[in-house]
C-alpha atoms as a PDB file:
ATOM      1  CA  UNK A   1    -134.853  46.352-241.773  1.00  0.00           C
ATOM      2  CA  UNK A   2    -136.848  44.072-240.231  1.00  0.00           C
ATOM      3  CA  UNK A   3    -139.969  46.122-242.034  1.00  0.00           C
ATOM      4  CA  UNK A   4    -142.123  46.879-238.846  1.00  0.00           C
ATOM      5  CA  UNK A   5    -144.722  49.158-239.281  1.00  0.00           C
ATOM      6  CA  UNK A   6    -144.868  52.108-237.117  1.00  0.00           C
ATOM      7  CA  UNK A   7    -140.707  51.756-237.004  1.00  0.00           C
ATOM      8  CA  UNK A   8    -139.539  54.229-239.825  1.00  0.00           C
ATOM      9  CA  UNK A   9    -136.522  56.667-239.296  1.00  0.00           C
ATOM     10  CA  UNK A  10    -137.922  59.276-236.875  1.00  0.00           C
ATOM     11  CA  UNK A  11    -139.217  56.626-234.047  1.00  0.00           C
ATOM     12  CA  UNK A  12    -136.193  54.731-234.728  1.00  0.00           C
ATOM     13  CA  UNK A  13    -134.392  57.744-233.876  1.00  0.00           C
ATOM     14  CA  UNK A  14    -136.560  58.756-230.726  1.00  0.00           C
ATOM     15  CA  UNK A  15    -136.063  55.037-229.483  1.00  0.00           C
ATOM     16  CA  UNK A  16    -132.884  55.438-229.556  1.00  0.00           C
ATOM     17  CA  UNK A  17    -132.476  58.827-227.574  1.00  0.00           C
ATOM     18  CA  UNK A  18    -134.806  57.147-224.995  1.00  0.00           C
ATOM     19  CA  UNK A  19    -132.462  54.806-224.587  1.00  0.00           C
ATOM     20  CA  UNK A  20    -135.365  52.488-225.293  1.00  0.00           C
ATOM     21  CA  UNK A  21    -133.579  50.503-227.997  1.00  0.00           C
ATOM     22  CA  UNK A  22    -129.649  50.014-228.775  1.00  0.00           C
ATOM     23  CA  UNK A  23    -129.335  47.065-231.039  1.00  0.00           C
ATOM     24  CA  UNK A  24    -131.532  45.074-232.836  1.00  0.00           C
ATOM     25  CA  UNK A  25    -132.547  42.521-230.019  1.00  0.00           C
ATOM     26  CA  UNK A  26    -134.129  45.291-227.972  1.00  0.00           C
ATOM     27  CA  UNK A  27    -136.821  45.296-229.920  1.00  0.00           C
ATOM     28  CA  UNK A  28    -138.204  42.407-229.378  1.00  0.00           C
ATOM     29  CA  UNK A  29    -138.121  43.376-225.256  1.00  0.00           C
ATOM     30  CA  UNK A  30    -140.137  46.452-225.716  1.00  0.00           C
ATOM     31  CA  UNK A  31    -143.185  44.883-224.270  1.00  0.00           C
ATOM     32  CA  UNK A  32    -141.553  45.111-221.098  1.00  0.00           C
ATOM     33  CA  UNK A  33    -141.389  48.951-221.133  1.00  0.00           C
ATOM     34  CA  UNK A  34    -144.898  49.590-222.182  1.00  0.00           C
ATOM     35  CA  UNK A  35    -145.020  52.278-219.728  1.00  0.00           C
ATOM     36  CA  UNK A  36    -141.713  53.795-220.919  1.00  0.00           C
ATOM     37  CA  UNK A  37    -143.435  53.860-224.679  1.00  0.00           C
ATOM     38  CA  UNK A  38    -146.699  55.627-223.203  1.00  0.00           C
ATOM     39  CA  UNK A  39    -144.655  58.722-221.877  1.00  0.00           C
ATOM     40  CA  UNK A  40    -143.703  59.284-225.510  1.00  0.00           C
ATOM     41  CA  UNK A  41    -145.210  61.978-227.749  1.00  0.00           C
ATOM     42  CA  UNK A  42    -147.757  60.843-230.067  1.00  0.00           C
ATOM     43  CA  UNK A  43    -148.095  57.423-228.070  1.00  0.00           C
ATOM     44  CA  UNK A  44    -151.260  56.533-227.234  1.00  0.00           C
ATOM     45  CA  UNK A  45    -152.881  53.025-225.940  1.00  0.00           C
ATOM     46  CA  UNK A  46    -153.560  52.281-229.277  1.00  0.00           C
ATOM     47  CA  UNK A  47    -150.770  53.271-230.828  1.00  0.00           C
ATOM     48  CA  UNK A  48    -148.024  51.427-228.251  1.00  0.00           C
ATOM     49  CA  UNK A  49    -150.315  48.515-228.899  1.00  0.00           C
ATOM     50  CA  UNK A  50    -150.262  48.366-232.273  1.00  0.00           C
ATOM     51  CA  UNK A  51    -146.527  48.726-232.572  1.00  0.00           C
ATOM     52  CA  UNK A  52    -145.544  45.737-230.175  1.00  0.00           C
ATOM     53  CA  UNK A  53    -148.328  44.031-232.649  1.00  0.00           C
ATOM     54  CA  UNK A  54    -146.268  44.858-235.429  1.00  0.00           C
ATOM     55  CA  UNK A  55    -142.693  43.872-233.797  1.00  0.00           C
ATOM     56  CA  UNK A  56    -143.877  40.375-232.336  1.00  0.00           C
ATOM     57  CA  UNK A  57    -145.131  39.894-236.107  1.00  0.00           C
ATOM     58  CA  UNK A  58    -141.400  40.774-237.631  1.00  0.00           C
ATOM     59  CA  UNK A  59    -140.556  37.307-235.851  1.00  0.00           C
ATOM     60  CA  UNK A  60    -141.398  35.322-238.825  1.00  0.00           C
ATOM     61  CA  UNK A  61    -139.430  38.029-241.824  1.00  0.00           C
ATOM     62  CA  UNK A  62    -137.396  36.435-244.020  1.00  0.00           C
ATOM     63  CA  UNK A  63    -133.590  36.168-242.731  1.00  0.00           C
ATOM     64  CA  UNK A  64    -132.020  38.063-244.864  1.00  0.00           C
ATOM     65  CA  UNK A  65    -134.381  40.974-243.215  1.00  0.00           C
ATOM     66  CA  UNK A  66    -132.304  39.728-239.946  1.00  0.00           C
ATOM     67  CA  UNK A  67    -128.875  39.414-241.730  1.00  0.00           C
ATOM     68  CA  UNK A  68    -129.243  42.816-243.226  1.00  0.00           C
ATOM     69  CA  UNK A  69    -130.798  44.124-239.533  1.00  0.00           C
ATOM     70  CA  UNK A  70    -127.526  42.813-237.549  1.00  0.00           C
ATOM     71  CA  UNK A  71    -126.274  45.906-239.098  1.00  0.00           C
ATOM     72  CA  UNK A  72    -122.920  43.604-239.687  1.00  0.00           C
ATOM     73  CA  UNK A  73    -119.961  46.300-241.681  1.00  0.00           C
ATOM     74  CA  UNK A  74    -119.778  45.852-245.784  1.00  0.00           C
ATOM     75  CA  UNK A  75    -123.734  43.946-245.588  1.00  0.00           C
ATOM     76  CA  UNK A  76    -126.311  45.696-247.778  1.00  0.00           C
ATOM     77  CA  UNK A  77    -129.637  44.207-248.332  1.00  0.00           C
ATOM     78  CA  UNK A  78    -128.286  42.740-251.436  1.00  0.00           C
ATOM     79  CA  UNK A  79    -125.282  40.966-249.846  1.00  0.00           C
ATOM     80  CA  UNK A  80    -127.901  39.966-247.005  1.00  0.00           C
ATOM     81  CA  UNK A  81    -129.775  38.561-249.655  1.00  0.00           C
ATOM     82  CA  UNK A  82    -126.866  36.049-251.031  1.00  0.00           C
ATOM     83  CA  UNK A  83    -125.893  35.045-248.060  1.00  0.00           C
ATOM     84  CA  UNK A  84    -129.872  33.802-246.121  1.00  0.00           C
ATOM     85  CA  UNK A  85    -129.578  32.110-249.728  1.00  0.00           C
ATOM     86  CA  UNK A  86    -126.221  29.876-249.209  1.00  0.00           C
ATOM     87  CA  UNK A  87    -126.586  29.385-245.849  1.00  0.00           C
ATOM     88  CA  UNK A  88    -130.741  29.219-244.733  1.00  0.00           C
ATOM     89  CA  UNK A  89    -129.643  29.231-241.032  1.00  0.00           C
ATOM     90  CA  UNK A  90    -127.693  32.763-238.979  1.00  0.00           C
ATOM     91  CA  UNK A  91    -126.014  29.750-236.760  1.00  0.00           C
ATOM     92  CA  UNK A  92    -124.688  28.064-239.587  1.00  0.00           C
ATOM     93  CA  UNK A  93    -123.579  31.648-241.385  1.00  0.00           C
ATOM     94  CA  UNK A  94    -122.052  32.621-237.750  1.00  0.00           C
ATOM     95  CA  UNK A  95    -120.050  29.429-237.911  1.00  0.00           C
ATOM     96  CA  UNK A  96    -118.478  30.211-241.398  1.00  0.00           C
ATOM     97  CA  UNK A  97    -114.965  30.053-242.680  1.00  0.00           C
ATOM     98  CA  UNK A  98    -113.459  32.450-244.134  1.00  0.00           C
ATOM     99  CA  UNK A  99    -112.831  29.476-247.341  1.00  0.00           C
ATOM    100  CA  UNK A 100    -116.337  29.106-246.910  1.00  0.00           C
ATOM    101  CA  UNK A 101    -117.631  32.581-247.361  1.00  0.00           C
ATOM    102  CA  UNK A 102    -114.650  33.167-250.343  1.00  0.00           C
ATOM    103  CA  UNK A 103    -116.654  30.664-252.211  1.00  0.00           C
ATOM    104  CA  UNK A 104    -119.566  33.060-253.283  1.00  0.00           C
ATOM    105  CA  UNK A 105    -118.864  34.542-256.287  1.00  0.00           C
ATOM    106  CA  UNK A 106    -120.033  38.435-255.042  1.00  0.00           C
ATOM    107  CA  UNK A 107    -117.795  38.060-251.659  1.00  0.00           C
ATOM    108  CA  UNK A 108    -114.564  39.265-251.282  1.00  0.00           C
ATOM    109  CA  UNK A 109    -111.976  39.582-248.168  1.00  0.00           C
ATOM    110  CA  UNK A 110    -113.305  42.471-247.151  1.00  0.00           C
ATOM    111  CA  UNK A 111    -116.912  41.028-247.038  1.00  0.00           C
ATOM    112  CA  UNK A 112    -115.792  37.385-245.146  1.00  0.00           C
ATOM    113  CA  UNK A 113    -113.928  39.008-242.962  1.00  0.00           C
ATOM    114  CA  UNK A 114    -116.028  41.606-241.790  1.00  0.00           C
ATOM    115  CA  UNK A 115    -118.503  38.631-241.073  1.00  0.00           C
ATOM    116  CA  UNK A 116    -115.889  36.394-239.454  1.00  0.00           C
ATOM    117  CA  UNK A 117    -115.344  39.549-237.140  1.00  0.00           C
ATOM    118  CA  UNK A 118    -119.023  40.644-236.559  1.00  0.00           C
ATOM    119  CA  UNK A 119    -119.765  36.969-234.960  1.00  0.00           C
ATOM    120  CA  UNK A 120    -116.807  36.611-233.020  1.00  0.00           C
ATOM    121  CA  UNK A 121    -117.637  39.365-230.815  1.00  0.00           C
ATOM    122  CA  UNK A 122    -119.228  38.822-227.161  1.00  0.00           C
ATOM    123  CA  UNK A 123    -121.268  41.222-228.046  1.00  0.00           C
ATOM    124  CA  UNK A 124    -122.609  39.943-230.716  1.00  0.00           C
ATOM    125  CA  UNK A 125    -122.974  36.466-229.442  1.00  0.00           C
ATOM    126  CA  UNK A 126    -125.281  38.069-227.072  1.00  0.00           C
ATOM    127  CA  UNK A 127    -127.472  40.052-229.194  1.00  0.00           C
ATOM    128  CA  UNK A 128    -128.058  36.293-231.480  1.00  0.00           C
ATOM    129  CA  UNK A 129    -128.764  34.565-227.936  1.00  0.00           C
ATOM    130  CA  UNK A 130    -131.516  37.483-226.922  1.00  0.00           C
ATOM    131  CA  UNK A 131    -133.017  37.560-230.212  1.00  0.00           C
ATOM    132  CA  UNK A 132    -133.231  33.373-230.293  1.00  0.00           C
ATOM    133  CA  UNK A 133    -134.908  33.944-226.240  1.00  0.00           C
ATOM    134  CA  UNK A 134    -137.416  36.264-227.805  1.00  0.00           C
ATOM    135  CA  UNK A 135    -138.433  33.931-230.002  1.00  0.00           C
ATOM    136  CA  UNK A 136    -136.948  35.487-234.215  1.00  0.00           C
ATOM    137  CA  UNK A 137    -136.490  32.592-236.758  1.00  0.00           C
ATOM    138  CA  UNK A 138    -133.003  32.847-237.366  1.00  0.00           C
ATOM    139  CA  UNK A 139    -133.591  29.970-239.940  1.00  0.00           C
ATOM    140  CA  UNK A 140    -135.041  30.695-243.471  1.00  0.00           C
ATOM    141  CA  UNK A 141    -138.575  28.938-244.017  1.00  0.00           C
ATOM    142  CA  UNK A 142    -138.882  25.951-246.192  1.00  0.00           C
ATOM    143  CA  UNK A 143    -140.666  26.481-248.987  1.00  0.00           C
ATOM    144  CA  UNK A 144    -141.319  24.286-251.703  1.00  0.00           C
ATOM    145  CA  UNK A 145    -139.643  24.763-254.753  1.00  0.00           C
ATOM    146  CA  UNK A 146    -143.086  25.178-256.275  1.00  0.00           C
ATOM    147  CA  UNK A 147    -144.174  27.292-254.457  1.00  0.00           C
ATOM    148  CA  UNK A 148    -141.743  29.739-255.025  1.00  0.00           C
ATOM    149  CA  UNK A 149    -142.584  32.655-257.371  1.00  0.00           C
ATOM    150  CA  UNK A 150    -139.759  32.165-259.868  1.00  0.00           C
ATOM    151  CA  UNK A 151    -140.662  28.785-260.423  1.00  0.00           C
ATOM    152  CA  UNK A 152    -140.819  26.849-264.196  1.00  0.00           C
ATOM    153  CA  UNK A 153    -138.979  30.046-265.059  1.00  0.00           C
ATOM    154  CA  UNK A 154    -135.434  29.968-267.582  1.00  0.00           C
ATOM    155  CA  UNK A 155    -133.927  32.739-267.434  1.00  0.00           C
ATOM    156  CA  UNK A 156    -130.715  33.958-269.412  1.00  0.00           C
ATOM    157  CA  UNK A 157    -128.686  36.899-269.254  1.00  0.00           C
ATOM    158  CA  UNK A 158    -126.849  38.301-272.150  1.00  0.00           C
ATOM    159  CA  UNK A 159    -124.941  41.627-271.659  1.00  0.00           C
ATOM    160  CA  UNK A 160    -123.395  43.221-268.854  1.00  0.00           C
ATOM    161  CA  UNK A 161    -125.319  44.025-265.832  1.00  0.00           C
ATOM    162  CA  UNK A 162    -125.030  48.040-263.849  1.00  0.00           C
ATOM    163  CA  UNK A 163    -126.923  46.730-260.650  1.00  0.00           C
ATOM    164  CA  UNK A 164    -125.165  43.816-259.741  1.00  0.00           C
ATOM    165  CA  UNK A 165    -122.943  40.694-261.458  1.00  0.00           C
ATOM    166  CA  UNK A 166    -124.416  38.293-263.651  1.00  0.00           C
ATOM    167  CA  UNK A 167    -123.176  35.840-261.018  1.00  0.00           C
ATOM    168  CA  UNK A 168    -125.325  37.904-258.330  1.00  0.00           C
ATOM    169  CA  UNK A 169    -128.322  37.787-260.371  1.00  0.00           C
ATOM    170  CA  UNK A 170    -128.396  34.011-261.219  1.00  0.00           C
ATOM    171  CA  UNK A 171    -128.549  32.948-257.447  1.00  0.00           C
ATOM    172  CA  UNK A 172    -130.813  35.584-256.630  1.00  0.00           C
ATOM    173  CA  UNK A 173    -133.137  34.278-259.864  1.00  0.00           C
ATOM    174  CA  UNK A 174    -132.792  30.479-258.648  1.00  0.00           C
ATOM    175  CA  UNK A 175    -133.341  31.824-254.610  1.00  0.00           C
ATOM    176  CA  UNK A 176    -136.638  32.974-255.910  1.00  0.00           C
ATOM    177  CA  UNK A 177    -137.576  29.239-257.808  1.00  0.00           C
ATOM    178  CA  UNK A 178    -136.306  30.692-260.896  1.00  0.00           C
ATOM    179  CA  UNK A 179    -133.395  28.512-263.206  1.00  0.00           C
ATOM    180  CA  UNK A 180    -130.890  29.842-265.194  1.00  0.00           C
ATOM    181  CA  UNK A 181    -129.696  29.016-268.915  1.00  0.00           C
ATOM    182  CA  UNK A 182    -126.074  30.084-270.940  1.00  0.00           C
ATOM    183  CA  UNK A 183    -128.110  30.184-274.291  1.00  0.00           C
ATOM    184  CA  UNK A 184    -131.702  30.511-275.364  1.00  0.00           C
ATOM    185  CA  UNK A 185    -133.999  27.556-276.560  1.00  0.00           C
ATOM    186  CA  UNK A 186    -137.627  27.320-276.600  1.00  0.00           C
ATOM    187  CA  UNK A 187    -137.357  26.251-272.881  1.00  0.00           C
ATOM    188  CA  UNK A 188    -136.281  30.096-272.635  1.00  0.00           C
ATOM    189  CA  UNK A 189    -139.090  32.287-270.467  1.00  0.00           C
ATOM    190  CA  UNK A 190    -137.153  35.528-270.299  1.00  0.00           C
ATOM    191  CA  UNK A 191    -133.421  36.763-271.942  1.00  0.00           C
ATOM    192  CA  UNK A 192    -132.776  39.765-269.758  1.00  0.00           C
ATOM    193  CA  UNK A 193    -130.692  41.856-272.095  1.00  0.00           C
ATOM    194  CA  UNK A 194    -128.166  44.315-270.376  1.00  0.00           C
ATOM    195  CA  UNK A 195    -125.594  46.577-272.450  1.00  0.00           C
ATOM    196  CA  UNK A 196    -124.081  45.804-274.999  1.00  0.00           C
ATOM    197  CA  UNK A 197    -125.646  42.450-275.694  1.00  0.00           C
ATOM    198  CA  UNK A 198    -124.800  39.815-277.600  1.00  0.00           C
ATOM    199  CA  UNK A 199    -126.245  36.775-280.132  1.00  0.00           C
ATOM    200  CA  UNK A 200    -128.721  35.657-277.749  1.00  0.00           C
ATOM    201  CA  UNK A 201    -130.556  39.030-278.598  1.00  0.00           C
ATOM    202  CA  UNK A 202    -131.102  37.728-282.018  1.00  0.00           C
ATOM    203  CA  UNK A 203    -131.216  34.660-280.965  1.00  0.00           C
ATOM    204  CA  UNK A 204    -134.632  34.955-278.572  1.00  0.00           C
ATOM    205  CA  UNK A 205    -135.939  37.618-280.988  1.00  0.00           C
ATOM    206  CA  UNK A 206    -136.164  34.745-283.725  1.00  0.00           C
ATOM    207  CA  UNK A 207    -137.515  32.525-280.975  1.00  0.00           C
ATOM    208  CA  UNK A 208    -140.348  34.922-279.837  1.00  0.00           C
ATOM    209  CA  UNK A 209    -138.510  34.893-276.915  1.00  0.00           C
ATOM    210  CA  UNK A 210    -139.999  38.033-274.352  1.00  0.00           C
ATOM    211  CA  UNK A 211    -137.391  40.499-273.708  1.00  0.00           C
ATOM    212  CA  UNK A 212    -136.729  41.947-270.170  1.00  0.00           C
ATOM    213  CA  UNK A 213    -134.386  45.211-269.300  1.00  0.00           C
ATOM    214  CA  UNK A 214    -132.446  44.914-266.070  1.00  0.00           C
ATOM    215  CA  UNK A 215    -135.410  47.253-264.183  1.00  0.00           C
ATOM    216  CA  UNK A 216    -138.121  44.931-265.552  1.00  0.00           C
ATOM    217  CA  UNK A 217    -135.440  42.055-263.983  1.00  0.00           C
ATOM    218  CA  UNK A 218    -134.841  43.838-260.459  1.00  0.00           C
ATOM    219  CA  UNK A 219    -138.817  44.133-260.291  1.00  0.00           C
ATOM    220  CA  UNK A 220    -139.264  40.533-260.795  1.00  0.00           C
ATOM    221  CA  UNK A 221    -136.737  39.370-257.988  1.00  0.00           C
ATOM    222  CA  UNK A 222    -138.590  42.103-255.399  1.00  0.00           C
ATOM    223  CA  UNK A 223    -141.154  39.269-254.901  1.00  0.00           C
END
């Protein structure tokens, strides 16, 4: 989940089997177990050095990846992104009340309760402390709005989306610096067209606005 080069499913399974890793924080202390890593199959000195270097570089990954990597029940990659955009800091998320969490359009009672339960457990508090002590960044890196990939672009959505709700789509667009509108104007950059589109489609075509289907929107949001 932290997108570390060299740690795929097979390597993760080996590290777990050998007792070298039990949770996300353990990864950042593997340098203390270098000799044990060298004893693993197909792990020569160069391979171990590359792995440890990749782990060190991952300390600066986006907050969404860290939230996802914690393994909070019911919190997948998409929800981790929503939470990172809302709170910008792992400590702020950990202190969030049930009411604060439920105020997020895509967070229901099951997800809110799971988040609160996770951060309330002493074992998980220890994991987060170890991550902090290892130098893992626990807050979103400050980025100027104009530097975000969708800065200066306005999106209008029409029709039903299959992958996520309209509210979540708009939240993700805004997280990348874009803006959203309720009606098509000359300032509209893209019209996102879902199933059963409304009258906005005709308006966009009359103005020559570029159309995106849901898959094309997803590709933009991966920036």
